[in-house]
Protein backbone atom coordinates (compact mmCIF):
# COMPACT_ATOMS: atom_id res chain seq x y z
CA MET A 1 94.94 91.15 105.28
CA ARG A 2 92.10 91.38 107.77
CA LYS A 3 92.31 94.90 109.18
CA ALA A 4 91.82 98.42 107.90
CA VAL A 5 92.17 101.92 109.29
CA ILE A 6 89.91 104.73 108.07
CA PRO A 7 91.11 108.20 109.14
CA ALA A 8 88.08 110.48 109.47
CA ALA A 9 89.03 113.09 112.06
CA GLY A 10 89.69 116.16 109.90
CA TYR A 11 87.69 119.36 110.27
CA GLY A 12 86.49 119.51 106.66
CA THR A 13 86.92 123.29 106.54
CA ARG A 14 86.33 123.45 102.78
CA PHE A 15 82.73 122.41 103.49
CA LEU A 16 81.96 125.00 106.13
CA PRO A 17 79.39 125.90 107.34
CA ILE A 18 77.75 122.47 106.92
CA SER A 19 80.81 120.56 108.18
CA LYS A 20 80.58 122.36 111.52
CA ALA A 21 77.75 120.01 112.49
CA ILE A 22 77.87 117.25 109.85
CA PRO A 23 81.13 115.36 109.18
CA LYS A 24 82.14 115.67 105.52
CA GLU A 25 82.43 111.86 105.51
CA MET A 26 78.69 111.75 106.21
CA LEU A 27 77.73 113.88 103.22
CA PRO A 28 75.52 111.81 100.92
CA LEU A 29 76.32 110.38 97.52
CA VAL A 30 72.71 109.95 96.43
CA ASP A 31 71.38 108.10 99.53
CA LYS A 32 74.49 106.72 101.23
CA PRO A 33 77.14 108.70 103.11
CA VAL A 34 80.61 108.82 101.61
CA ILE A 35 82.15 106.76 104.40
CA GLN A 36 79.73 103.88 103.79
CA TYR A 37 81.12 103.51 100.27
CA VAL A 38 84.61 103.38 101.80
CA VAL A 39 83.60 100.68 104.28
CA GLU A 40 81.94 98.69 101.50
CA GLU A 41 85.19 98.77 99.50
CA ALA A 42 87.11 97.50 102.52
CA VAL A 43 84.65 94.66 103.06
CA ALA A 44 84.68 93.74 99.35
CA SER A 45 88.48 93.51 99.66
CA GLY A 46 88.23 90.83 102.34
CA ILE A 47 88.61 93.04 105.41
CA THR A 48 86.67 92.04 108.51
CA ASP A 49 88.00 94.45 111.15
CA ILE A 50 87.91 98.25 110.73
CA LEU A 51 89.17 101.00 113.01
CA MET A 52 87.89 104.52 112.36
CA VAL A 53 89.94 107.42 113.71
CA ILE A 54 87.51 110.22 114.51
CA SER A 55 87.37 113.48 116.47
CA ARG A 56 84.93 115.27 118.75
CA SER A 57 82.63 116.48 115.96
CA LYS A 58 82.30 113.09 114.25
CA ARG A 59 79.82 111.28 116.48
CA ALA A 60 77.39 111.03 113.56
CA ILE A 61 79.73 108.46 111.99
CA GLU A 62 79.43 106.27 115.09
CA GLU A 63 75.65 106.65 115.05
CA HIS A 64 75.45 105.62 111.41
CA PHE A 65 77.15 102.27 112.01
CA HIS A 66 75.54 101.59 115.41
CA PRO A 67 72.47 99.32 115.55
CA ALA A 68 69.13 101.14 115.72
CA PHE A 69 66.73 98.54 117.07
CA ASP A 70 63.82 100.95 117.46
CA LEU A 71 64.10 102.00 113.81
CA GLU A 72 64.35 98.36 112.73
CA ALA A 73 61.19 97.54 114.67
CA GLU A 74 59.38 100.47 113.04
CA LEU A 75 60.40 99.37 109.55
CA GLU A 76 59.41 95.77 110.26
CA ALA A 77 56.01 96.83 111.60
CA LYS A 78 55.36 98.83 108.44
CA GLY A 79 56.44 96.01 106.14
CA ARG A 80 59.33 98.00 104.67
CA GLY A 81 61.50 94.98 104.09
CA GLU A 82 63.91 96.51 101.58
CA GLU A 83 64.93 99.37 103.89
CA LEU A 84 65.12 96.98 106.86
CA GLU A 85 67.45 94.63 104.97
CA ALA A 86 69.70 97.54 103.93
CA LEU A 87 69.94 98.70 107.54
CA ARG A 88 70.80 95.26 108.88
CA LYS A 89 73.37 94.70 106.15
CA LEU A 90 75.05 98.00 107.05
CA GLN A 91 75.44 96.96 110.69
CA SER A 92 76.77 93.47 109.94
CA MET A 93 79.32 94.22 107.24
CA ALA A 94 82.37 94.17 109.52
CA ARG A 95 83.52 94.70 113.09
CA ILE A 96 83.84 98.47 113.32
CA HIS A 97 85.71 100.19 116.15
CA PHE A 98 86.34 103.85 116.91
CA ILE A 99 89.20 105.77 118.48
CA TRP A 100 89.46 109.52 119.02
CA GLN A 101 92.27 111.70 117.72
CA PRO A 102 92.02 114.57 120.24
CA LYS A 103 94.13 117.02 118.23
CA MET A 104 94.68 117.23 114.50
CA GLY A 105 98.27 116.23 113.78
CA GLY A 106 98.27 114.96 110.21
CA LEU A 107 97.56 111.65 108.52
CA GLY A 108 100.64 110.03 110.05
CA ASP A 109 99.49 110.98 113.54
CA ALA A 110 96.05 109.50 112.86
CA ILE A 111 97.59 106.21 111.70
CA LEU A 112 99.71 106.01 114.87
CA TYR A 113 96.52 105.76 116.92
CA ALA A 114 95.88 102.41 115.24
CA ARG A 115 99.08 100.72 116.40
CA ASP A 116 97.58 98.65 119.22
CA HIS A 117 94.62 97.67 117.07
CA VAL A 118 96.71 96.56 114.08
CA GLY A 119 99.45 94.71 115.94
CA GLU A 120 101.97 92.94 113.70
CA GLU A 121 99.78 92.50 110.62
CA PRO A 122 99.80 94.26 107.26
CA PHE A 123 96.81 96.57 107.10
CA ALA A 124 94.91 98.80 104.71
CA VAL A 125 94.39 102.54 105.00
CA LEU A 126 91.39 104.02 103.19
CA LEU A 127 90.85 107.77 103.43
CA GLY A 128 87.34 108.37 104.71
CA ASP A 129 86.51 111.28 102.39
CA THR A 130 87.46 109.59 99.11
CA VAL A 131 85.58 106.99 97.10
CA VAL A 132 87.58 104.99 94.56
CA THR A 133 85.77 103.03 91.85
CA THR A 134 87.14 100.48 89.39
CA LYS A 135 85.88 99.03 86.12
CA ASP A 136 85.82 95.58 87.72
CA GLU A 137 83.70 95.96 90.85
CA SER A 138 84.70 92.48 92.03
CA CYS A 139 88.31 93.62 92.49
CA PRO A 140 88.45 96.96 94.37
CA VAL A 141 91.68 98.95 94.52
CA THR A 142 92.31 97.93 98.14
CA ARG A 143 92.12 94.25 97.14
CA GLN A 144 94.52 94.89 94.25
CA LEU A 145 97.04 96.49 96.63
CA ALA A 146 96.72 93.55 99.04
CA ASP A 147 97.47 91.19 96.15
CA VAL A 148 100.63 93.17 95.34
CA VAL A 149 101.84 92.91 98.95
CA GLU A 150 101.02 89.20 99.12
CA ARG A 151 103.11 88.60 95.98
CA HIS A 152 106.02 90.96 96.59
CA GLY A 153 106.02 91.88 100.30
CA GLY A 154 106.58 95.39 101.62
CA SER A 155 103.88 98.02 101.21
CA ALA A 156 101.81 99.31 98.29
CA VAL A 157 99.94 102.50 97.38
CA ALA A 158 97.38 103.31 94.71
CA LEU A 159 98.52 105.76 92.05
CA GLN A 160 96.90 108.03 89.49
CA GLU A 161 98.63 110.40 87.09
CA VAL A 162 97.82 114.08 87.68
CA PRO A 163 98.55 117.24 85.66
CA VAL A 164 101.91 118.84 86.44
CA GLU A 165 100.21 121.88 87.96
CA LYS A 166 98.53 119.66 90.57
CA VAL A 167 101.52 117.63 91.83
CA SER A 168 101.96 120.07 94.73
CA ARG A 169 98.64 118.84 96.18
CA TYR A 170 99.65 115.19 96.59
CA GLY A 171 102.26 112.72 97.70
CA ILE A 172 104.23 111.90 94.53
CA LEU A 173 106.02 108.63 93.85
CA GLY A 174 108.94 108.03 91.51
CA GLY A 175 110.58 104.76 90.47
CA GLU A 176 110.79 102.17 87.73
CA GLU A 177 107.96 100.12 86.24
CA ILE A 178 108.67 96.43 86.92
CA SER A 179 105.49 95.12 85.27
CA PRO A 180 102.55 96.82 83.54
CA GLY A 181 101.13 99.35 85.99
CA LEU A 182 103.38 98.30 88.90
CA ILE A 183 106.17 100.65 90.00
CA ARG A 184 108.97 99.86 92.44
CA ALA A 185 109.33 103.13 94.33
CA ARG A 186 112.68 104.93 94.65
CA GLN A 187 111.35 108.33 95.74
CA PHE A 188 108.32 109.43 97.69
CA VAL A 189 107.78 113.16 98.22
CA GLU A 190 104.92 114.97 99.98
CA LYS A 191 103.44 117.87 97.97
CA PRO A 192 106.56 118.76 95.96
CA LYS A 193 106.96 121.81 93.77
CA PRO A 194 106.41 120.85 90.11
CA GLU A 195 110.10 121.24 89.31
CA GLU A 196 111.03 118.97 92.24
CA ALA A 197 108.49 116.22 91.62
CA PRO A 198 109.96 112.81 90.68
CA SER A 199 106.92 112.08 88.45
CA ARG A 200 103.27 112.95 88.06
CA LEU A 201 102.10 109.79 89.85
CA ALA A 202 100.04 110.82 92.86
CA VAL A 203 98.98 108.64 95.78
CA SER A 204 95.28 108.00 95.40
CA ALA A 205 93.84 107.62 98.92
CA ARG A 206 94.46 103.86 99.33
CA TYR A 207 97.39 102.09 100.99
CA VAL A 208 98.34 98.63 102.23
CA LEU A 209 101.12 99.05 104.78
CA SER A 210 103.62 96.91 106.62
CA PRO A 211 103.24 97.12 110.42
CA ARG A 212 106.82 98.41 110.53
CA ILE A 213 105.40 101.76 109.43
CA PHE A 214 104.58 102.48 113.09
CA ASP A 215 108.26 102.46 114.11
CA HIS A 216 109.01 104.95 111.36
CA LEU A 217 106.05 107.16 112.25
CA GLU A 218 107.27 107.38 115.85
CA ARG A 219 110.70 108.66 114.82
CA THR A 220 109.66 110.82 111.87
CA PRO A 221 109.80 114.57 112.60
CA LYS A 222 106.84 116.76 111.77
CA GLY A 223 106.82 117.85 108.15
CA LYS A 224 104.88 120.31 106.01
CA GLY A 225 102.26 122.25 107.91
CA GLY A 226 103.73 121.15 111.24
CA GLU A 227 102.00 117.78 110.87
CA LEU A 228 103.25 114.20 110.97
CA GLN A 229 103.17 113.16 107.33
CA LEU A 230 102.57 109.52 106.44
CA THR A 231 104.52 110.11 103.23
CA ASP A 232 107.67 111.05 105.18
CA ALA A 233 107.45 107.88 107.26
CA MET A 234 106.93 105.77 104.14
CA ALA A 235 109.96 107.36 102.52
CA SER A 236 111.95 106.25 105.57
CA LEU A 237 110.42 102.76 105.50
CA MET A 238 111.53 102.43 101.87
CA GLN A 239 115.12 102.22 103.08
CA GLU A 240 114.28 98.90 104.79
CA GLU A 241 111.42 97.39 102.81
CA ALA A 242 110.10 97.59 99.29
CA LEU A 243 107.36 100.08 98.42
CA TYR A 244 105.24 99.57 95.32
CA GLY A 245 102.87 101.86 93.49
CA LEU A 246 99.96 100.49 91.46
CA ARG A 247 98.42 102.46 88.61
CA TYR A 248 94.86 101.23 88.65
CA GLU A 249 92.10 101.55 86.08
CA GLY A 250 89.32 103.46 87.73
CA GLN A 251 88.28 106.80 89.13
CA ARG A 252 88.96 108.68 92.33
CA HIS A 253 86.04 110.68 93.73
CA ASP A 254 87.55 113.13 96.20
CA ILE A 255 84.75 114.49 98.36
CA GLY A 256 87.08 117.02 99.98
CA ASN A 257 85.88 119.91 97.82
CA LYS A 258 82.49 121.15 96.63
CA LEU A 259 82.92 120.72 92.88
CA ASP A 260 84.15 117.12 93.10
CA PHE A 261 81.36 116.35 95.57
CA ILE A 262 78.76 117.49 93.05
CA LYS A 263 80.50 115.55 90.25
CA ALA A 264 80.52 112.42 92.40
CA ASN A 265 76.78 112.71 93.05
CA LEU A 266 76.19 112.95 89.31
CA HIS A 267 78.45 109.96 88.68
CA PHE A 268 76.65 107.71 91.17
CA GLY A 269 73.20 109.09 90.43
CA LEU A 270 73.51 108.38 86.71
CA GLN A 271 74.29 104.73 87.47
CA ARG A 272 71.18 104.19 89.57
CA ALA A 273 68.38 102.17 88.03
CA ASP A 274 65.71 104.13 89.93
CA ILE A 275 66.77 107.68 89.07
CA GLY A 276 69.53 107.41 86.44
CA GLU A 277 67.46 108.00 83.31
CA ALA A 278 65.48 110.89 84.79
CA LEU A 279 68.69 112.52 86.02
CA ARG A 280 70.28 112.07 82.59
CA GLU A 281 67.35 113.85 80.95
CA TYR A 282 67.57 116.65 83.52
CA VAL A 283 71.28 117.17 82.85
CA ARG A 284 70.68 117.19 79.10
CA GLY A 285 68.10 119.91 79.62
CA LEU A 286 70.56 122.01 81.61
CA VAL A 287 73.25 121.90 78.93
């Protein structure tokens, strides 16, 4: 697996007014924007080619990953080698391309824009507003999903169990466990009512998909909210190819809402060698 798609075109209305001018994917977790963590996960998973699907208000994402030679020269002249190295590493991590989604049409619609870029290869999808961490940093969730597909074929999605009252917020997968943590999917439902959910296993913002998903996206009718749902196309694809769900050990940091954004900043801040201890003392004082 060499290619990844990062959808990042949504309006981010839950972060208004700041998201009117600043993409939610560019909100900082300590000193790096959310989407940089996502790109770093892709690169750590062996991906070398990334397509970002953006919209009119997301030019700041392009600017972040574009070389800034004048800034590099300024840092070099001032002897700020650490910052210069971080900047150069950011710009050389992978080949990053951009395509515009002119009108919001759902996650499935965003993925369709990647068809020409992906071609006939399996590819990863990493949601641009969600950071996923694992206990073993050397094996990110995206890499784990790629390993599943390489062993078993088909497609694979990351799963986390959610409370029954939250199943209506997610795509929910049902099936049988064929090995510890690995589920062969039999049902895949987008945002079901609790009484209609096949399980409490929710898709957790990471996918590795067969290129045949594009054929199914093109013939899938619009679903909930009048949008083209990736879940609906994957449910159709399941009739032809296997779909697997992987329950991973780790944590999903969904930056799509204010409370989880603040929690994520605490999580990453507490792990930093430069500020972690001082932040820990500050939090202790608050509580």
